[in-house]
Amino acid sequence: MRSTMARWSFLLCAAWIGALSVPVEGARADAPPAPVQVMVVGLFHLSNPGHDLHNMKVDDVLAPKRQAELGAITDALARFKPDKVAVEWPRDTVEERFPKYLAGTLPPSRNEVVQLGFRLARTAHAIGVYGIDADGDFPYEPVKAYADAHGLSSLLDAEGAKIDRQMAEQQRLLAEQGLSAALRRVNEPALIDEGNSFYRTALRMGSGNEQPGAELLAAWYRRNFLICANLVQLAKPGDRIVVFYGSGHAFLLRQCVSETPGFQLVEPNDYLPH
């Protein structure tokens, strides 16, 4: 009898220890934190500021037709369920204007930060909008001067012509198929990669101690690293973030997200309406 009781006691003890060793789902101390999912949406400027080397011409986005399209775009992006929206404005500007937007007191604006960033945050009930822009130089004139002085202008001209062709296609899609079609084109990964070739061509502009092309890249990369640092620093494990930025920044921002541990890149074209 005593032997039988001892055996049952041993079995119960072993079962209890075994139960303790079975991990409870979601409660493992060594489980990695949930990834930060980031969707980088490259944009052309909706308010036609004309600040870039190459610029699209966009008709009035406050017109009813374009407003309906913008509503459809933000409704589609809201399916991603973003917690946060990051935009190409300084932090203090966003902190001043977003509350006014929510209150209905912000004057009408054609800027993409308002039309897409603020609108998506409101539609998706996001925690907030975050301005992550950073100042930076773009010293293109020394690059062009070097190319002109050393018979390399044709290389820059070829890159410019390629960008002009891309712009023309985007302009055609905007006119014939609408904002979403043009945005889908801008956010094609292959097109984003192709657009970055200008910066590699710029490295040909220089010799010896005179390196205007490398200086241009250093300034451009510095600005984009500052932008991505702002993004990384606002993110928490498990966040879902949509970033609206000029398409020229898309290559480096996508690269930064893809190469940052704990971050996952989400393709906007998986959500943008056809």
Protein backbone atom coordinates (compact mmCIF):
# COMPACT_ATOMS: atom_id res chain seq x y z
CA MET A 1 0.00 0.00 0.00
CA ARG A 2 2.77 2.37 0.98
CA SER A 3 4.59 1.52 -2.28
CA THR A 4 1.48 2.30 -4.31
CA MET A 5 0.96 5.65 -2.55
CA ALA A 6 4.61 6.57 -3.09
CA ARG A 7 4.34 5.77 -6.77
CA TRP A 8 1.19 7.95 -7.15
CA SER A 9 2.86 10.75 -5.23
CA PHE A 10 5.84 10.59 -7.58
CA LEU A 11 3.61 10.64 -10.67
CA LEU A 12 1.58 13.62 -9.41
CA CYS A 13 4.76 15.50 -8.60
CA ALA A 14 6.20 14.77 -12.05
CA ALA A 15 2.97 15.89 -13.73
CA TRP A 16 2.97 19.13 -11.71
CA ILE A 17 6.57 19.88 -12.66
CA GLY A 18 5.81 19.04 -16.28
CA ALA A 19 2.85 21.41 -16.28
CA LEU A 20 5.05 24.20 -15.02
CA SER A 21 7.46 23.60 -17.87
CA VAL A 22 4.78 23.95 -20.58
CA PRO A 23 4.98 27.51 -21.96
CA VAL A 24 1.79 29.55 -21.92
CA GLU A 25 1.17 31.09 -25.34
CA GLY A 26 2.19 34.75 -25.44
CA ALA A 27 3.80 34.60 -21.99
CA ARG A 28 7.33 33.39 -22.71
CA ALA A 29 9.89 35.66 -21.19
CA ASP A 30 12.23 35.14 -24.13
CA ALA A 31 9.59 35.85 -26.81
CA PRO A 32 10.76 38.60 -29.19
CA PRO A 33 8.81 41.87 -29.12
CA ALA A 34 6.22 42.40 -31.80
CA PRO A 35 7.75 44.02 -34.90
CA VAL A 36 7.15 47.63 -35.87
CA GLN A 37 5.37 47.56 -39.22
CA VAL A 38 6.08 50.59 -41.39
CA MET A 39 4.43 51.55 -44.66
CA VAL A 40 6.40 54.22 -46.57
CA VAL A 41 4.05 55.97 -49.01
CA GLY A 42 6.06 57.96 -51.55
CA LEU A 43 4.26 61.06 -52.79
CA PHE A 44 4.35 63.80 -55.38
CA HIS A 45 3.49 67.21 -53.97
CA LEU A 46 -0.22 67.99 -54.19
CA SER A 47 0.13 71.74 -53.64
CA ASN A 48 2.64 72.35 -56.45
CA PRO A 49 5.35 74.09 -54.40
CA GLY A 50 7.90 73.67 -57.21
CA HIS A 51 10.79 73.07 -54.81
CA ASP A 52 12.29 70.00 -56.48
CA LEU A 53 14.51 69.60 -59.54
CA HIS A 54 11.62 67.85 -61.27
CA ASN A 55 7.98 68.61 -60.38
CA MET A 56 4.58 67.26 -61.29
CA LYS A 57 1.68 69.61 -61.95
CA VAL A 58 -1.37 68.59 -59.94
CA ASP A 59 -4.79 70.12 -60.49
CA ASP A 60 -6.78 71.48 -57.56
CA VAL A 61 -7.11 68.71 -54.98
CA LEU A 62 -9.80 70.69 -53.16
CA ALA A 63 -12.15 70.11 -56.11
CA PRO A 64 -14.92 67.56 -55.37
CA LYS A 65 -13.53 64.92 -57.74
CA ARG A 66 -10.09 64.92 -56.14
CA GLN A 67 -11.56 65.06 -52.64
CA ALA A 68 -13.53 61.90 -53.38
CA GLU A 69 -10.36 60.20 -54.63
CA LEU A 70 -8.40 61.25 -51.56
CA GLY A 71 -11.16 59.89 -49.37
CA ALA A 72 -11.02 56.54 -51.17
CA ILE A 73 -7.22 56.43 -50.81
CA THR A 74 -7.26 57.11 -47.08
CA ASP A 75 -10.12 54.65 -46.54
CA ALA A 76 -8.05 51.99 -48.29
CA LEU A 77 -4.89 52.79 -46.31
CA ALA A 78 -6.91 52.72 -43.09
CA ARG A 79 -7.31 48.95 -43.62
CA PHE A 80 -3.67 48.73 -42.47
CA LYS A 81 -4.94 50.01 -39.09
CA PRO A 82 -2.08 52.43 -38.42
CA ASP A 83 -1.41 53.51 -34.84
CA LYS A 84 0.71 56.46 -35.94
CA VAL A 85 1.14 58.62 -39.03
CA ALA A 86 4.49 60.28 -39.80
CA VAL A 87 4.76 63.18 -42.24
CA GLU A 88 7.17 65.53 -44.03
CA TRP A 89 6.70 68.50 -41.74
CA PRO A 90 8.63 69.65 -38.68
CA ARG A 91 7.30 68.41 -35.37
CA ASP A 92 6.21 71.81 -34.08
CA THR A 93 4.24 72.57 -37.25
CA VAL A 94 2.30 69.31 -36.92
CA GLU A 95 1.70 69.87 -33.22
CA GLU A 96 0.24 73.29 -34.02
CA ARG A 97 -1.92 72.36 -37.02
CA PHE A 98 -3.24 68.85 -36.39
CA PRO A 99 -5.40 69.85 -33.40
CA LYS A 100 -6.86 72.66 -35.52
CA TYR A 101 -7.59 70.15 -38.27
CA LEU A 102 -9.46 67.91 -35.84
CA ALA A 103 -11.37 70.90 -34.51
CA GLY A 104 -12.29 72.05 -38.01
CA THR A 105 -10.51 75.39 -37.62
CA LEU A 106 -7.52 74.78 -39.90
CA PRO A 107 -7.83 76.84 -43.13
CA PRO A 108 -8.25 74.78 -46.32
CA SER A 109 -4.93 73.32 -47.43
CA ARG A 110 -3.86 71.50 -50.57
CA ASN A 111 -0.72 70.14 -48.92
CA GLU A 112 -0.37 66.36 -48.88
CA VAL A 113 0.35 66.37 -45.13
CA VAL A 114 -3.17 67.64 -44.52
CA GLN A 115 -4.92 65.89 -47.38
CA LEU A 116 -3.40 62.47 -46.72
CA GLY A 117 -1.56 62.47 -43.38
CA PHE A 118 -4.10 64.30 -41.24
CA ARG A 119 -7.03 62.71 -43.05
CA LEU A 120 -5.70 59.17 -42.57
CA ALA A 121 -4.97 59.73 -38.88
CA ARG A 122 -8.55 60.90 -38.34
CA THR A 123 -10.08 58.13 -40.47
CA ALA A 124 -8.05 55.36 -38.82
CA HIS A 125 -8.37 56.81 -35.29
CA ALA A 126 -4.58 56.79 -35.00
CA ILE A 127 -2.85 57.84 -31.79
CA GLY A 128 -1.49 60.88 -33.56
CA VAL A 129 0.46 62.50 -36.38
CA TYR A 130 4.21 63.02 -36.01
CA GLY A 131 6.36 65.47 -37.91
CA ILE A 132 9.67 63.72 -38.63
CA ASP A 133 11.24 66.08 -41.17
CA ALA A 134 14.82 67.29 -40.79
CA ASP A 135 16.66 70.16 -42.40
CA GLY A 136 19.35 69.42 -44.94
CA ASP A 137 21.24 70.82 -47.89
CA PHE A 138 21.11 69.56 -51.46
CA PRO A 139 24.25 71.05 -53.07
CA TYR A 140 23.41 70.28 -56.69
CA GLU A 141 24.98 73.35 -58.29
CA PRO A 142 28.62 72.26 -57.63
CA VAL A 143 27.77 68.89 -59.20
CA LYS A 144 26.38 70.53 -62.32
CA ALA A 145 29.29 72.96 -62.52
CA TYR A 146 31.80 70.11 -62.34
CA ALA A 147 29.92 68.16 -65.01
CA ASP A 148 29.83 71.21 -67.32
CA ALA A 149 33.55 71.87 -66.83
CA HIS A 150 34.65 68.28 -67.41
CA GLY A 151 32.48 67.12 -70.31
CA LEU A 152 30.15 65.04 -68.13
CA SER A 153 26.93 66.97 -68.66
CA SER A 154 25.50 64.21 -70.84
CA LEU A 155 25.44 61.87 -67.83
CA LEU A 156 23.35 64.28 -65.79
CA ASP A 157 21.19 65.06 -68.81
CA ALA A 158 20.46 61.35 -69.28
CA GLU A 159 19.40 61.02 -65.65
CA GLY A 160 17.25 64.12 -65.95
CA ALA A 161 15.60 62.80 -69.10
CA LYS A 162 14.82 59.51 -67.36
CA ILE A 163 13.15 61.36 -64.49
CA ASP A 164 11.22 63.52 -66.96
CA ARG A 165 9.87 60.37 -68.64
CA GLN A 166 8.79 58.99 -65.28
CA MET A 167 7.10 62.29 -64.46
CA ALA A 168 5.30 62.30 -67.80
CA GLU A 169 3.93 58.81 -67.16
CA GLN A 170 2.77 59.81 -63.70
CA GLN A 171 1.17 62.93 -65.15
CA ARG A 172 -0.66 60.82 -67.73
CA LEU A 173 -1.95 58.42 -65.08
CA LEU A 174 -3.11 61.30 -62.93
CA ALA A 175 -5.04 62.84 -65.82
CA GLU A 176 -6.51 59.62 -67.19
CA GLN A 177 -6.94 57.34 -64.16
CA GLY A 178 -6.71 59.55 -61.10
CA LEU A 179 -4.66 60.05 -57.97
CA SER A 180 -4.53 56.44 -56.85
CA ALA A 181 -3.14 55.20 -60.17
CA ALA A 182 -0.44 57.86 -60.10
CA LEU A 183 0.45 57.02 -56.50
CA ARG A 184 0.63 53.31 -57.27
CA ARG A 185 3.08 54.09 -60.05
CA VAL A 186 5.24 56.23 -57.74
CA ASN A 187 5.37 53.40 -55.20
CA GLU A 188 6.39 50.56 -57.49
CA PRO A 189 9.56 49.11 -55.87
CA ALA A 190 11.35 48.72 -59.22
CA LEU A 191 10.69 52.35 -60.09
CA ILE A 192 11.92 53.49 -56.68
CA ASP A 193 15.14 51.54 -57.17
CA GLU A 194 15.59 52.94 -60.66
CA GLY A 195 15.14 56.48 -59.42
CA ASN A 196 18.06 56.10 -57.06
CA SER A 197 20.48 55.71 -59.99
CA PHE A 198 20.93 59.50 -60.15
CA TYR A 199 22.88 59.41 -56.90
CA ARG A 200 25.26 56.78 -58.20
CA THR A 201 25.77 58.81 -61.36
CA ALA A 202 26.54 61.84 -59.19
CA LEU A 203 29.53 59.96 -57.76
CA ARG A 204 31.19 60.29 -61.17
CA MET A 205 31.32 64.05 -60.66
CA GLY A 206 34.66 64.59 -59.01
CA SER A 207 38.35 63.79 -58.92
CA GLY A 208 41.02 63.83 -56.26
CA ASN A 209 40.18 66.30 -53.53
CA GLU A 210 37.32 67.84 -55.50
CA GLN A 211 34.30 65.59 -54.93
CA PRO A 212 31.02 67.50 -55.38
CA GLY A 213 29.11 64.32 -56.20
CA ALA A 214 30.19 62.60 -53.00
CA GLU A 215 29.41 65.78 -51.05
CA LEU A 216 25.91 65.83 -52.51
CA LEU A 217 25.33 62.23 -51.45
CA ALA A 218 26.73 62.87 -47.98
CA ALA A 219 24.30 65.75 -47.49
CA TRP A 220 21.34 63.80 -48.91
CA TYR A 221 22.07 60.67 -46.87
CA ARG A 222 22.57 62.75 -43.73
CA ARG A 223 19.13 64.32 -44.05
CA ASN A 224 17.46 60.97 -44.67
CA PHE A 225 19.26 59.34 -41.75
CA LEU A 226 17.99 62.15 -39.51
CA ILE A 227 14.47 61.59 -40.82
CA CYS A 228 14.70 57.84 -40.22
CA ALA A 229 16.16 58.43 -36.76
CA ASN A 230 13.07 60.46 -35.90
CA LEU A 231 10.91 57.62 -37.19
CA VAL A 232 12.79 54.90 -35.29
CA GLN A 233 12.71 56.91 -32.08
CA LEU A 234 8.94 57.41 -32.09
CA ALA A 235 8.21 53.73 -32.75
CA LYS A 236 7.29 51.21 -30.06
CA PRO A 237 7.13 47.41 -30.45
CA GLY A 238 3.95 46.41 -32.21
CA ASP A 239 3.32 49.84 -33.73
CA ARG A 240 1.84 50.13 -37.21
CA ILE A 241 3.07 53.33 -38.83
CA VAL A 242 2.29 54.98 -42.15
CA VAL A 243 4.94 57.41 -43.40
CA PHE A 244 3.96 59.98 -46.04
CA TYR A 245 7.01 61.47 -47.74
CA GLY A 246 8.17 62.88 -51.03
CA SER A 247 8.95 60.01 -53.39
CA GLY A 248 12.58 61.08 -53.71
CA HIS A 249 13.09 59.96 -50.11
CA ALA A 250 11.39 56.59 -50.57
CA PHE A 251 14.47 54.56 -51.50
CA LEU A 252 16.50 55.54 -48.43
CA LEU A 253 13.57 55.45 -46.01
CA ARG A 254 12.56 51.99 -47.23
CA GLN A 255 16.16 50.85 -46.90
CA CYS A 256 16.41 52.23 -43.39
CA VAL A 257 13.22 50.50 -42.30
CA SER A 258 14.19 47.21 -43.95
CA GLU A 259 17.62 47.16 -42.30
CA THR A 260 16.53 48.21 -38.80
CA PRO A 261 16.16 45.22 -36.42
CA GLY A 262 12.61 44.79 -35.20
CA PHE A 263 11.09 46.68 -38.16
CA GLN A 264 9.13 45.31 -41.12
CA LEU A 265 8.48 47.16 -44.38
CA VAL A 266 4.90 47.07 -45.68
CA GLU A 267 4.17 47.77 -49.35
CA PRO A 268 1.66 50.59 -49.90
CA ASN A 269 0.55 49.08 -53.21
CA ASP A 270 -0.90 46.18 -51.24
CA TYR A 271 -3.43 48.70 -49.91
CA LEU A 272 -3.78 51.55 -52.40
CA PRO A 273 -6.98 51.18 -54.45
CA HIS A 274 -6.77 50.17 -58.12
